[in-house]
Structure formats: structure tokens, C-alpha cells
Amino acid sequence: MAPTTRPRARRLRAWLTLATDNWLSRGYLVVAGSALAFFLYAVYLSPDPGFAAIWPFAATLPLSAVAFLAPSPELDPSVDWLTPLLFAAWVSLCALVNAGLLGLAVRAFRTRSAA
């Protein structure tokens, strides 16, 4: 009897496949990863990070805006609770979701043009 995978793991694997099985999604992930790497370099290694968070924020914009709209854990309206590592994790998640949506769009376009 073969071991069965859990449905959640199967869905996650399917979404990661959507996010990486075409060149458009891969290119998007490279751009978002480069913006995130620049942000992390600027925050941790540069003497003046300035507005380094704008690039990963803009690269993952539809979903990354939710990080600034969501209430903080202490219900404080400021964004002081948003640490650089938490921001980087959120941007990474947003990039994967956006790449998956791009993969869905590419797959729909391929099936429509093939029919």
C-alpha cells in the first residue's frame, strides 16, 4: 500500500507547481527575490537603509498592502510591530501567491489558445 499524501500538502505542492512551471512566474519570482535581497542588504548591512522597503512592497503590491492595513498584535495602529524579518516573510508569501496567480493566468491562456 503506497503512502498517501495529505490533501493540504497536495494543494501546497500544486500551488508551488503553478508558481514555478512557466517562465513568466519564474521571472516574477526573480524580480521579487532581488527586491527582497536588496531590502535585506539595506536593512542589515547598509548604514542608511532609507526607503529600501519600497521595492519589495511594490514588487508584490496587491497582497503586500495587506501587511500595512492589518492591525498590529497589540492593536496599535503604527507599523512598529512589523520587523524586517516579518516583512521579508510576508513579502515572500505574497510573491509566491502572486506567482501562482500568474501561473493560473498563463495556464488559462495556454488552454484557450490551444482550443
Protein backbone atom coordinates (compact mmCIF):
# COMPACT_ATOMS: atom_id res chain seq x y z
CA MET A 1 0.00 0.00 0.00
CA ALA A 2 1.52 3.31 -1.07
CA PRO A 3 1.62 6.13 1.45
CA THR A 4 -0.94 8.77 0.64
CA THR A 5 -0.14 12.43 0.86
CA ARG A 6 -2.31 14.68 2.90
CA PRO A 7 -4.71 16.94 0.98
CA ARG A 8 -3.12 20.11 2.38
CA ALA A 9 0.34 19.03 1.27
CA ARG A 10 -1.04 18.10 -2.15
CA ARG A 11 -2.66 21.53 -2.54
CA LEU A 12 0.54 23.27 -1.46
CA ARG A 13 2.57 21.24 -3.94
CA ALA A 14 0.08 22.04 -6.70
CA TRP A 15 0.26 25.77 -5.91
CA LEU A 16 4.07 25.72 -5.88
CA THR A 17 3.97 23.95 -9.23
CA LEU A 18 1.73 26.71 -10.60
CA ALA A 19 4.15 29.30 -9.25
CA THR A 20 7.20 27.78 -10.93
CA ASP A 21 6.14 25.89 -14.06
CA ASN A 22 6.33 28.78 -16.54
CA TRP A 23 8.83 31.47 -17.40
CA LEU A 24 6.59 34.39 -16.51
CA SER A 25 6.15 33.21 -12.92
CA ARG A 26 9.83 32.36 -12.59
CA GLY A 27 10.81 35.79 -13.86
CA TYR A 28 8.42 37.41 -11.41
CA LEU A 29 9.93 35.39 -8.55
CA VAL A 30 13.42 36.52 -9.61
CA VAL A 31 12.33 40.17 -9.58
CA ALA A 32 10.60 39.85 -6.21
CA GLY A 33 13.54 37.91 -4.75
CA SER A 34 16.01 40.52 -5.99
CA ALA A 35 13.95 43.31 -4.44
CA LEU A 36 13.78 41.38 -1.18
CA ALA A 37 17.54 40.71 -1.22
CA PHE A 38 18.19 44.42 -1.76
CA PHE A 39 15.89 45.24 1.15
CA LEU A 40 17.62 42.79 3.49
CA TYR A 41 21.04 44.06 2.43
CA ALA A 42 19.99 47.67 3.01
CA VAL A 43 18.46 46.97 6.41
CA TYR A 44 21.17 44.77 7.88
CA LEU A 45 24.39 45.78 6.11
CA SER A 46 23.94 49.32 4.85
CA PRO A 47 24.49 52.28 7.19
CA ASP A 48 21.38 54.07 5.88
CA PRO A 49 18.56 51.83 4.57
CA GLY A 50 16.42 54.79 3.53
CA PHE A 51 13.35 53.69 1.63
CA ALA A 52 14.58 50.17 0.81
CA ALA A 53 11.22 48.58 1.69
CA ILE A 54 9.53 50.28 -1.25
CA TRP A 55 11.00 47.87 -3.82
CA PRO A 56 9.74 44.57 -2.36
CA PHE A 57 6.50 46.29 -1.40
CA ALA A 58 5.96 47.47 -4.98
CA ALA A 59 7.02 44.14 -6.49
CA THR A 60 4.33 42.27 -4.54
CA LEU A 61 1.82 45.07 -4.38
CA PRO A 62 -1.68 43.65 -4.50
CA LEU A 63 -1.11 41.45 -1.47
CA SER A 64 1.72 43.25 0.29
CA ALA A 65 -0.54 46.21 1.04
CA VAL A 66 -2.47 44.00 3.44
CA ALA A 67 0.55 43.95 5.78
CA PHE A 68 0.13 47.66 6.36
CA LEU A 69 -3.63 47.50 6.61
CA ALA A 70 -3.72 44.62 9.08
CA PRO A 71 -3.90 45.59 12.74
CA SER A 72 -0.84 45.01 14.88
CA PRO A 73 -0.82 42.28 17.53
CA GLU A 74 -1.35 44.86 20.29
CA LEU A 75 -4.00 46.70 18.20
CA ASP A 76 -1.58 49.59 17.82
CA PRO A 77 -2.19 51.46 14.56
CA SER A 78 1.52 52.08 13.96
CA VAL A 79 3.66 49.71 11.92
CA ASP A 80 6.38 49.41 14.59
CA TRP A 81 5.44 45.77 15.10
CA LEU A 82 6.44 44.99 11.52
CA THR A 83 10.06 43.89 11.89
CA PRO A 84 12.29 43.46 8.84
CA LEU A 85 12.21 39.66 9.08
CA LEU A 86 8.44 39.60 9.43
CA PHE A 87 8.18 41.95 6.45
CA ALA A 88 10.52 39.68 4.46
CA ALA A 89 8.43 36.61 5.30
CA TRP A 90 5.24 38.42 4.30
CA VAL A 91 6.79 39.61 1.01
CA SER A 92 7.96 36.05 0.27
CA LEU A 93 4.47 34.69 0.85
CA CYS A 94 2.93 37.43 -1.30
CA ALA A 95 5.42 36.72 -4.08
CA LEU A 96 4.54 33.01 -4.07
CA VAL A 97 0.81 33.77 -4.17
CA ASN A 98 1.26 36.31 -6.98
CA ALA A 99 3.44 33.88 -8.94
CA GLY A 100 0.77 31.20 -8.52
CA LEU A 101 -1.86 33.60 -9.84
CA LEU A 102 0.39 34.37 -12.80
CA GLY A 103 0.76 30.63 -13.36
CA LEU A 104 -3.02 30.23 -13.36
CA ALA A 105 -3.34 33.03 -15.91
CA VAL A 106 -0.66 31.50 -18.14
CA ARG A 107 -2.29 28.08 -17.91
CA ALA A 108 -5.71 29.54 -18.79
CA PHE A 109 -4.19 31.42 -21.73
CA ARG A 110 -2.49 28.26 -23.00
CA THR A 111 -5.65 26.19 -22.82
CA ARG A 112 -7.68 28.93 -24.51
CA SER A 113 -5.18 29.35 -27.34
CA ALA A 114 -4.88 25.57 -27.81
CA ALA A 115 -8.64 25.12 -28.15
